[in-house]
């Protein structure tokens, strides 16, 4: 079975003569077909709106016939559609789709399972020179972490992280006899932080990942850990787990200006 992995498409960031939203679905569909994938995993941040993200997956599925699974990223919770859904309601919206199956791990056959959970950042990836109170302000050097104004879980970020971890643990426990692919949006390994010291990311690394998943890699047979969010492409193998971040990212972060080249470079393929 061939499984493709990608994240952070951010399809609605562009609409110009050189790059339109349709280019993302067409290019990714071509790559899915070229690789003859059986499954495509999208680790969050398709767009800034749940409806647009959902329709993108529908369109891609219709174009390719491939099975798609997805975890919503922080941007997918932003709700630019204006339908007044709360963050929690968007979360439930995605859970009602066939793409995001938190609470129902997917049996992939041959002793493999897929567990999906967005995870959330818990501030532990930041420099320890910042207090929890200072990090919770989510403002630094004149900038504001935009989730502060666009997302409202009704609890603190560390509390959300713990809640997500509890949900993930229940799903992992349900498939503890299997080899597991764990897909989150935020990072679950500190190797995916922006290297410190760094003038900005000593602070903003707080919003990159979580330590609440650390023990899962010791307790369960997680062979692949798929993530996104960090906007650089990186892969780490440690203690039998292959950690993969396959972000497409923003155009300004690309090494080239060619979406075909960048999509092909970002898309990772694993075989089980």
C-alpha atoms as a PDB file:
ATOM      1  CA  UNK A   1       0.000   0.000   0.000  1.00  0.00           C
ATOM      2  CA  UNK A   2       1.344   3.408  -1.017  1.00  0.00           C
ATOM      3  CA  UNK A   3       0.488   6.307   1.256  1.00  0.00           C
ATOM      4  CA  UNK A   4       1.213   9.922   0.396  1.00  0.00           C
ATOM      5  CA  UNK A   5       1.828  12.521   3.088  1.00  0.00           C
ATOM      6  CA  UNK A   6       1.544  16.309   2.773  1.00  0.00           C
ATOM      7  CA  UNK A   7       0.439  19.290   4.856  1.00  0.00           C
ATOM      8  CA  UNK A   8       0.083  23.069   5.008  1.00  0.00           C
ATOM      9  CA  UNK A   9      -1.229  23.692   1.510  1.00  0.00           C
ATOM     10  CA  UNK A  10      -2.761  27.079   2.400  1.00  0.00           C
ATOM     11  CA  UNK A  11      -4.705  27.128  -0.830  1.00  0.00           C
ATOM     12  CA  UNK A  12      -6.508  30.425  -0.175  1.00  0.00           C
ATOM     13  CA  UNK A  13      -3.410  32.513   0.392  1.00  0.00           C
ATOM     14  CA  UNK A  14      -3.060  33.221  -3.330  1.00  0.00           C
ATOM     15  CA  UNK A  15      -5.217  34.301  -6.235  1.00  0.00           C
ATOM     16  CA  UNK A  16      -3.001  35.920  -8.813  1.00  0.00           C
ATOM     17  CA  UNK A  17      -2.175  35.573 -12.465  1.00  0.00           C
ATOM     18  CA  UNK A  18       0.624  33.146 -11.616  1.00  0.00           C
ATOM     19  CA  UNK A  19      -0.939  31.103  -8.798  1.00  0.00           C
ATOM     20  CA  UNK A  20      -4.614  30.380  -8.206  1.00  0.00           C
ATOM     21  CA  UNK A  21      -6.442  28.113  -5.785  1.00  0.00           C
ATOM     22  CA  UNK A  22      -7.290  25.689  -8.593  1.00  0.00           C
ATOM     23  CA  UNK A  23      -3.575  25.137  -9.182  1.00  0.00           C
ATOM     24  CA  UNK A  24      -3.285  23.397  -5.823  1.00  0.00           C
ATOM     25  CA  UNK A  25      -5.953  20.771  -6.481  1.00  0.00           C
ATOM     26  CA  UNK A  26      -4.804  20.170 -10.052  1.00  0.00           C
ATOM     27  CA  UNK A  27      -1.134  19.870  -9.109  1.00  0.00           C
ATOM     28  CA  UNK A  28      -1.751  17.639  -6.097  1.00  0.00           C
ATOM     29  CA  UNK A  29      -4.156  15.465  -8.095  1.00  0.00           C
ATOM     30  CA  UNK A  30      -1.487  14.977 -10.746  1.00  0.00           C
ATOM     31  CA  UNK A  31       1.080  13.989  -8.129  1.00  0.00           C
ATOM     32  CA  UNK A  32      -1.337  11.556  -6.477  1.00  0.00           C
ATOM     33  CA  UNK A  33      -1.917   9.905  -9.851  1.00  0.00           C
ATOM     34  CA  UNK A  34       1.757   9.966 -10.804  1.00  0.00           C
ATOM     35  CA  UNK A  35       2.686   8.179  -7.567  1.00  0.00           C
ATOM     36  CA  UNK A  36      -0.274   5.774  -7.897  1.00  0.00           C
ATOM     37  CA  UNK A  37      -1.211   6.376  -4.266  1.00  0.00           C
ATOM     38  CA  UNK A  38      -3.779   4.314  -2.417  1.00  0.00           C
ATOM     39  CA  UNK A  39      -4.214   6.820   0.424  1.00  0.00           C
ATOM     40  CA  UNK A  40      -3.392  10.503   0.875  1.00  0.00           C
ATOM     41  CA  UNK A  41      -2.802  11.899   4.363  1.00  0.00           C
ATOM     42  CA  UNK A  42      -3.166  15.676   4.785  1.00  0.00           C
ATOM     43  CA  UNK A  43      -1.803  16.862   8.124  1.00  0.00           C
ATOM     44  CA  UNK A  44      -3.773  20.091   8.367  1.00  0.00           C
ATOM     45  CA  UNK A  45      -3.884  23.710   7.222  1.00  0.00           C
ATOM     46  CA  UNK A  46      -5.538  23.259   3.865  1.00  0.00           C
ATOM     47  CA  UNK A  47      -7.040  26.742   4.165  1.00  0.00           C
ATOM     48  CA  UNK A  48      -8.283  29.415   6.562  1.00  0.00           C
ATOM     49  CA  UNK A  49     -11.811  28.035   6.589  1.00  0.00           C
ATOM     50  CA  UNK A  50     -13.435  24.705   7.386  1.00  0.00           C
ATOM     51  CA  UNK A  51     -15.869  24.807   4.465  1.00  0.00           C
ATOM     52  CA  UNK A  52     -13.148  25.559   1.920  1.00  0.00           C
ATOM     53  CA  UNK A  53     -10.907  22.831   3.355  1.00  0.00           C
ATOM     54  CA  UNK A  54     -13.732  20.304   3.216  1.00  0.00           C
ATOM     55  CA  UNK A  55     -14.634  21.179  -0.378  1.00  0.00           C
ATOM     56  CA  UNK A  56     -11.001  20.912  -1.407  1.00  0.00           C
ATOM     57  CA  UNK A  57     -10.882  17.321  -0.150  1.00  0.00           C
ATOM     58  CA  UNK A  58     -14.132  16.507  -1.919  1.00  0.00           C
ATOM     59  CA  UNK A  59     -12.789  17.931  -5.160  1.00  0.00           C
ATOM     60  CA  UNK A  60      -9.476  16.116  -4.838  1.00  0.00           C
ATOM     61  CA  UNK A  61     -11.231  12.847  -4.106  1.00  0.00           C
ATOM     62  CA  UNK A  62     -13.440  13.250  -7.170  1.00  0.00           C
ATOM     63  CA  UNK A  63     -10.429  14.035  -9.352  1.00  0.00           C
ATOM     64  CA  UNK A  64      -8.281  11.109  -8.197  1.00  0.00           C
ATOM     65  CA  UNK A  65     -10.466   8.451  -6.583  1.00  0.00           C
ATOM     66  CA  UNK A  66      -7.887   8.242  -3.798  1.00  0.00           C
ATOM     67  CA  UNK A  67      -8.883   7.725  -0.154  1.00  0.00           C
ATOM     68  CA  UNK A  68      -8.140  10.876   1.846  1.00  0.00           C
ATOM     69  CA  UNK A  69      -7.630  11.255   5.585  1.00  0.00           C
ATOM     70  CA  UNK A  70      -7.041  14.577   7.283  1.00  0.00           C
ATOM     71  CA  UNK A  71      -6.497  16.267  10.629  1.00  0.00           C
ATOM     72  CA  UNK A  72      -7.541  19.909  10.916  1.00  0.00           C
ATOM     73  CA  UNK A  73      -4.765  22.384  11.561  1.00  0.00           C
ATOM     74  CA  UNK A  74      -5.041  25.650  13.422  1.00  0.00           C
ATOM     75  CA  UNK A  75      -5.805  27.543  10.192  1.00  0.00           C
ATOM     76  CA  UNK A  76      -8.649  25.160   9.339  1.00  0.00           C
ATOM     77  CA  UNK A  77     -10.296  26.326  12.574  1.00  0.00           C
ATOM     78  CA  UNK A  78     -10.115  30.034  11.664  1.00  0.00           C
ATOM     79  CA  UNK A  79     -13.555  30.193   9.993  1.00  0.00           C
ATOM     80  CA  UNK A  80     -13.360  32.789   7.249  1.00  0.00           C
ATOM     81  CA  UNK A  81     -16.686  31.564   5.820  1.00  0.00           C
ATOM     82  CA  UNK A  82     -18.735  33.714   8.171  1.00  0.00           C
ATOM     83  CA  UNK A  83     -21.120  30.921   9.154  1.00  0.00           C
ATOM     84  CA  UNK A  84     -20.663  31.748  12.868  1.00  0.00           C
ATOM     85  CA  UNK A  85     -19.487  28.289  13.894  1.00  0.00           C
ATOM     86  CA  UNK A  86     -17.407  28.266  17.056  1.00  0.00           C
ATOM     87  CA  UNK A  87     -14.031  26.519  17.234  1.00  0.00           C
ATOM     88  CA  UNK A  88     -15.672  23.551  18.962  1.00  0.00           C
ATOM     89  CA  UNK A  89     -18.406  23.408  16.336  1.00  0.00           C
ATOM     90  CA  UNK A  90     -15.822  23.400  13.553  1.00  0.00           C
ATOM     91  CA  UNK A  91     -14.048  20.551  15.334  1.00  0.00           C
ATOM     92  CA  UNK A  92     -17.302  18.586  15.402  1.00  0.00           C
ATOM     93  CA  UNK A  93     -17.995  19.501  11.766  1.00  0.00           C
ATOM     94  CA  UNK A  94     -14.754  17.852  10.691  1.00  0.00           C
ATOM     95  CA  UNK A  95     -15.389  14.798  12.879  1.00  0.00           C
ATOM     96  CA  UNK A  96     -18.668  14.241  11.059  1.00  0.00           C
ATOM     97  CA  UNK A  97     -16.863  14.014   7.721  1.00  0.00           C
ATOM     98  CA  UNK A  98     -15.319  10.836   6.374  1.00  0.00           C
ATOM     99  CA  UNK A  99     -11.897  12.468   6.225  1.00  0.00           C
ATOM    100  CA  UNK A 100     -11.223  13.073   9.927  1.00  0.00           C
ATOM    101  CA  UNK A 101     -11.811   9.963  12.031  1.00  0.00           C
ATOM    102  CA  UNK A 102     -10.712  10.886  15.518  1.00  0.00           C
ATOM    103  CA  UNK A 103     -12.282   8.375  17.880  1.00  0.00           C
ATOM    104  CA  UNK A 104     -12.348   5.731  15.134  1.00  0.00           C
ATOM    105  CA  UNK A 105      -8.824   4.563  14.235  1.00  0.00           C
ATOM    106  CA  UNK A 106      -8.574   3.254  10.680  1.00  0.00           C
ATOM    107  CA  UNK A 107      -7.606  -0.379  10.188  1.00  0.00           C
ATOM    108  CA  UNK A 108      -5.270  -0.282   7.189  1.00  0.00           C
ATOM    109  CA  UNK A 109      -4.856  -4.060   7.029  1.00  0.00           C
ATOM    110  CA  UNK A 110      -1.767  -6.219   7.436  1.00  0.00           C
ATOM    111  CA  UNK A 111      -1.476  -5.256  11.093  1.00  0.00           C
ATOM    112  CA  UNK A 112      -1.391  -1.476  10.500  1.00  0.00           C
ATOM    113  CA  UNK A 113      -3.661   1.272  11.851  1.00  0.00           C
ATOM    114  CA  UNK A 114      -4.006   5.029  11.387  1.00  0.00           C
ATOM    115  CA  UNK A 115      -4.705   7.289  14.377  1.00  0.00           C
ATOM    116  CA  UNK A 116      -5.702  10.911  13.734  1.00  0.00           C
ATOM    117  CA  UNK A 117      -5.564  13.798  16.200  1.00  0.00           C
ATOM    118  CA  UNK A 118      -4.824  17.504  15.584  1.00  0.00           C
ATOM    119  CA  UNK A 119      -2.880  17.797  18.865  1.00  0.00           C
ATOM    120  CA  UNK A 120      -2.273  21.304  20.182  1.00  0.00           C
ATOM    121  CA  UNK A 121       0.707  23.314  21.385  1.00  0.00           C
ATOM    122  CA  UNK A 122       1.457  23.408  25.107  1.00  0.00           C
ATOM    123  CA  UNK A 123       4.216  26.091  25.210  1.00  0.00           C
ATOM    124  CA  UNK A 124       6.939  23.584  26.231  1.00  0.00           C
ATOM    125  CA  UNK A 125       8.882  24.087  22.992  1.00  0.00           C
ATOM    126  CA  UNK A 126       9.751  27.702  23.864  1.00  0.00           C
ATOM    127  CA  UNK A 127      12.887  28.865  25.644  1.00  0.00           C
ATOM    128  CA  UNK A 128      12.631  28.354  29.390  1.00  0.00           C
ATOM    129  CA  UNK A 129      13.471  32.013  29.927  1.00  0.00           C
ATOM    130  CA  UNK A 130       9.786  32.807  29.336  1.00  0.00           C
ATOM    131  CA  UNK A 131       7.205  32.187  32.027  1.00  0.00           C
ATOM    132  CA  UNK A 132       3.943  30.400  31.258  1.00  0.00           C
ATOM    133  CA  UNK A 133       2.161  33.655  31.951  1.00  0.00           C
ATOM    134  CA  UNK A 134       4.334  35.530  29.443  1.00  0.00           C
ATOM    135  CA  UNK A 135       3.788  32.878  26.767  1.00  0.00           C
ATOM    136  CA  UNK A 136       0.045  32.899  27.327  1.00  0.00           C
ATOM    137  CA  UNK A 137      -0.005  36.540  26.188  1.00  0.00           C
ATOM    138  CA  UNK A 138       0.800  35.250  22.683  1.00  0.00           C
ATOM    139  CA  UNK A 139       2.375  38.560  21.704  1.00  0.00           C
ATOM    140  CA  UNK A 140       6.053  39.289  21.159  1.00  0.00           C
ATOM    141  CA  UNK A 141       8.203  41.843  19.339  1.00  0.00           C
ATOM    142  CA  UNK A 142       5.121  43.697  18.144  1.00  0.00           C
ATOM    143  CA  UNK A 143       3.537  40.587  16.653  1.00  0.00           C
ATOM    144  CA  UNK A 144       0.471  38.612  17.732  1.00  0.00           C
ATOM    145  CA  UNK A 145       0.064  34.869  17.334  1.00  0.00           C
ATOM    146  CA  UNK A 146      -3.089  34.952  15.210  1.00  0.00           C
ATOM    147  CA  UNK A 147      -4.797  31.995  16.887  1.00  0.00           C
ATOM    148  CA  UNK A 148      -5.248  34.357  19.825  1.00  0.00           C
ATOM    149  CA  UNK A 149      -7.829  36.343  17.880  1.00  0.00           C
ATOM    150  CA  UNK A 150      -9.146  33.688  15.492  1.00  0.00           C
ATOM    151  CA  UNK A 151      -9.604  30.618  17.713  1.00  0.00           C
ATOM    152  CA  UNK A 152     -11.422  30.185  21.016  1.00  0.00           C
ATOM    153  CA  UNK A 153     -11.459  26.776  22.687  1.00  0.00           C
ATOM    154  CA  UNK A 154     -12.800  28.178  25.943  1.00  0.00           C
ATOM    155  CA  UNK A 155      -9.671  27.018  27.769  1.00  0.00           C
ATOM    156  CA  UNK A 156      -5.929  27.639  27.751  1.00  0.00           C
ATOM    157  CA  UNK A 157      -3.678  26.185  25.081  1.00  0.00           C
ATOM    158  CA  UNK A 158      -1.955  23.786  27.536  1.00  0.00           C
ATOM    159  CA  UNK A 159      -5.399  22.582  28.620  1.00  0.00           C
ATOM    160  CA  UNK A 160      -6.379  21.985  24.984  1.00  0.00           C
ATOM    161  CA  UNK A 161      -3.119  20.080  24.470  1.00  0.00           C
ATOM    162  CA  UNK A 162      -3.887  17.795  27.397  1.00  0.00           C
ATOM    163  CA  UNK A 163      -7.431  17.199  26.161  1.00  0.00           C
ATOM    164  CA  UNK A 164      -6.163  16.301  22.692  1.00  0.00           C
ATOM    165  CA  UNK A 165      -3.596  13.943  24.204  1.00  0.00           C
ATOM    166  CA  UNK A 166      -6.305  12.175  26.212  1.00  0.00           C
ATOM    167  CA  UNK A 167      -8.332  11.648  23.052  1.00  0.00           C
ATOM    168  CA  UNK A 168      -5.270  10.389  21.197  1.00  0.00           C
ATOM    169  CA  UNK A 169      -4.386   7.973  23.968  1.00  0.00           C
ATOM    170  CA  UNK A 170      -7.852   6.406  23.831  1.00  0.00           C
ATOM    171  CA  UNK A 171      -7.439   5.818  20.090  1.00  0.00           C
ATOM    172  CA  UNK A 172      -3.892   4.502  20.469  1.00  0.00           C
ATOM    173  CA  UNK A 173      -5.036   2.110  23.174  1.00  0.00           C
ATOM    174  CA  UNK A 174      -7.707   0.757  20.829  1.00  0.00           C
ATOM    175  CA  UNK A 175      -5.001  -0.304  18.340  1.00  0.00           C
ATOM    176  CA  UNK A 176      -2.129  -1.077  20.695  1.00  0.00           C
ATOM    177  CA  UNK A 177      -1.682  -4.492  19.043  1.00  0.00           C
ATOM    178  CA  UNK A 178      -0.974  -2.881  15.661  1.00  0.00           C
ATOM    179  CA  UNK A 179       1.799  -0.965  13.946  1.00  0.00           C
ATOM    180  CA  UNK A 180       0.599   2.623  14.028  1.00  0.00           C
ATOM    181  CA  UNK A 181       0.717   5.685  11.795  1.00  0.00           C
ATOM    182  CA  UNK A 182      -0.019   8.693  14.015  1.00  0.00           C
ATOM    183  CA  UNK A 183      -1.053  11.860  12.202  1.00  0.00           C
ATOM    184  CA  UNK A 184      -1.189  15.186  14.044  1.00  0.00           C
ATOM    185  CA  UNK A 185      -0.965  18.785  12.912  1.00  0.00           C
ATOM    186  CA  UNK A 186       1.358  20.285  15.511  1.00  0.00           C
ATOM    187  CA  UNK A 187       4.810  18.816  16.100  1.00  0.00           C
ATOM    188  CA  UNK A 188       5.261  16.018  18.617  1.00  0.00           C
ATOM    189  CA  UNK A 189       9.079  15.949  18.644  1.00  0.00           C
ATOM    190  CA  UNK A 190      11.339  18.833  19.654  1.00  0.00           C
ATOM    191  CA  UNK A 191      13.619  18.177  16.688  1.00  0.00           C
ATOM    192  CA  UNK A 192      11.007  20.117  14.719  1.00  0.00           C
ATOM    193  CA  UNK A 193      11.421  23.352  16.650  1.00  0.00           C
ATOM    194  CA  UNK A 194      13.105  26.296  15.004  1.00  0.00           C
ATOM    195  CA  UNK A 195      16.701  26.072  16.331  1.00  0.00           C
ATOM    196  CA  UNK A 196      17.378  28.293  19.312  1.00  0.00           C
ATOM    197  CA  UNK A 197      18.636  30.744  20.356  1.00  0.00           C
ATOM    198  CA  UNK A 198      16.563  32.747  17.928  1.00  0.00           C
ATOM    199  CA  UNK A 199      15.371  36.322  18.377  1.00  0.00           C
ATOM    200  CA  UNK A 200      11.754  35.430  17.572  1.00  0.00           C
ATOM    201  CA  UNK A 201      11.387  31.697  17.974  1.00  0.00           C
ATOM    202  CA  UNK A 202      12.768  31.563  21.493  1.00  0.00           C
ATOM    203  CA  UNK A 203       9.214  32.782  22.095  1.00  0.00           C
ATOM    204  CA  UNK A 204       7.163  31.589  19.112  1.00  0.00           C
ATOM    205  CA  UNK A 205       8.353  27.976  19.374  1.00  0.00           C
ATOM    206  CA  UNK A 206       5.778  27.876  22.192  1.00  0.00           C
ATOM    207  CA  UNK A 207       3.128  27.460  19.509  1.00  0.00           C
ATOM    208  CA  UNK A 208       4.916  24.802  17.441  1.00  0.00           C
ATOM    209  CA  UNK A 209       4.360  21.563  19.317  1.00  0.00           C
ATOM    210  CA  UNK A 210       3.444  19.566  22.396  1.00  0.00           C
ATOM    211  CA  UNK A 211       5.237  17.385  24.923  1.00  0.00           C
ATOM    212  CA  UNK A 212       1.987  15.688  25.967  1.00  0.00           C
ATOM    213  CA  UNK A 213       2.502  13.010  23.298  1.00  0.00           C
ATOM    214  CA  UNK A 214       6.076  12.132  24.304  1.00  0.00           C
ATOM    215  CA  UNK A 215       5.264   9.024  26.307  1.00  0.00           C
ATOM    216  CA  UNK A 216       3.113   7.578  23.534  1.00  0.00           C
ATOM    217  CA  UNK A 217       6.239   6.762  21.540  1.00  0.00           C
ATOM    218  CA  UNK A 218       7.440   4.552  24.372  1.00  0.00           C
ATOM    219  CA  UNK A 219       4.081   2.906  25.078  1.00  0.00           C
ATOM    220  CA  UNK A 220       2.795   2.190  21.562  1.00  0.00           C
ATOM    221  CA  UNK A 221       4.260   0.809  18.346  1.00  0.00           C
ATOM    222  CA  UNK A 222       4.187   4.077  16.405  1.00  0.00           C
ATOM    223  CA  UNK A 223       6.172   3.454  13.230  1.00  0.00           C
ATOM    224  CA  UNK A 224       5.348   6.749  11.508  1.00  0.00           C
ATOM    225  CA  UNK A 225       4.534  10.101  13.094  1.00  0.00           C
ATOM    226  CA  UNK A 226       3.103  12.475  10.498  1.00  0.00           C
ATOM    227  CA  UNK A 227       2.861  16.188  11.305  1.00  0.00           C
ATOM    228  CA  UNK A 228       2.749  19.649   9.736  1.00  0.00           C
ATOM    229  CA  UNK A 229       2.498  23.225  11.011  1.00  0.00           C
ATOM    230  CA  UNK A 230       6.178  24.168  11.045  1.00  0.00           C
ATOM    231  CA  UNK A 231       6.476  25.088   7.334  1.00  0.00           C
ATOM    232  CA  UNK A 232       9.747  23.333   6.710  1.00  0.00           C
ATOM    233  CA  UNK A 233      10.270  19.840   5.366  1.00  0.00           C
ATOM    234  CA  UNK A 234      12.091  17.602   7.753  1.00  0.00           C
ATOM    235  CA  UNK A 235      12.379  13.939   8.642  1.00  0.00           C
ATOM    236  CA  UNK A 236      13.846  12.315  11.768  1.00  0.00           C
ATOM    237  CA  UNK A 237      14.149   8.633  12.651  1.00  0.00           C
ATOM    238  CA  UNK A 238      14.449   7.772  16.323  1.00  0.00           C
ATOM    239  CA  UNK A 239      13.874   4.571  18.301  1.00  0.00           C
ATOM    240  CA  UNK A 240      11.951   2.900  15.513  1.00  0.00           C
ATOM    241  CA  UNK A 241       9.713   5.876  14.687  1.00  0.00           C
ATOM    242  CA  UNK A 242       9.997   7.836  11.451  1.00  0.00           C
ATOM    243  CA  UNK A 243       8.878  11.423  12.111  1.00  0.00           C
ATOM    244  CA  UNK A 244       7.821  13.184   8.903  1.00  0.00           C
ATOM    245  CA  UNK A 245       6.895  16.814   8.315  1.00  0.00           C
ATOM    246  CA  UNK A 246       5.891  17.291   4.680  1.00  0.00           C
ATOM    247  CA  UNK A 247       4.790  20.933   4.576  1.00  0.00           C
ATOM    248  CA  UNK A 248       4.194  22.681   1.286  1.00  0.00           C
ATOM    249  CA  UNK A 249       4.155  26.012   3.123  1.00  0.00           C
ATOM    250  CA  UNK A 250       3.817  29.546   1.819  1.00  0.00           C
ATOM    251  CA  UNK A 251       5.137  30.495  -1.599  1.00  0.00           C
ATOM    252  CA  UNK A 252       7.642  32.907  -0.032  1.00  0.00           C
ATOM    253  CA  UNK A 253       9.158  29.897   1.759  1.00  0.00           C
ATOM    254  CA  UNK A 254       9.573  27.800  -1.397  1.00  0.00           C
ATOM    255  CA  UNK A 255      13.018  27.266  -2.859  1.00  0.00           C
ATOM    256  CA  UNK A 256      11.584  27.791  -6.329  1.00  0.00           C
ATOM    257  CA  UNK A 257       8.477  29.529  -7.676  1.00  0.00           C
ATOM    258  CA  UNK A 258       7.233  26.377  -9.414  1.00  0.00           C
ATOM    259  CA  UNK A 259       4.252  24.783  -7.676  1.00  0.00           C
ATOM    260  CA  UNK A 260       4.781  21.446  -9.461  1.00  0.00           C
ATOM    261  CA  UNK A 261       8.369  21.205  -8.216  1.00  0.00           C
ATOM    262  CA  UNK A 262       7.419  22.276  -4.689  1.00  0.00           C
ATOM    263  CA  UNK A 263       4.404  19.951  -4.433  1.00  0.00           C
ATOM    264  CA  UNK A 264       6.491  17.034  -5.662  1.00  0.00           C
ATOM    265  CA  UNK A 265       9.278  17.850  -3.208  1.00  0.00           C
ATOM    266  CA  UNK A 266       6.881  18.241  -0.270  1.00  0.00           C
ATOM    267  CA  UNK A 267       4.857  15.078  -0.907  1.00  0.00           C
ATOM    268  CA  UNK A 268       6.372  12.107   0.883  1.00  0.00           C
ATOM    269  CA  UNK A 269       5.441   8.505   0.111  1.00  0.00           C
ATOM    270  CA  UNK A 270       5.552   5.612   2.544  1.00  0.00           C
ATOM    271  CA  UNK A 271       4.794   1.993   1.758  1.00  0.00           C
ATOM    272  CA  UNK A 272       3.365  -0.515   4.213  1.00  0.00           C
END
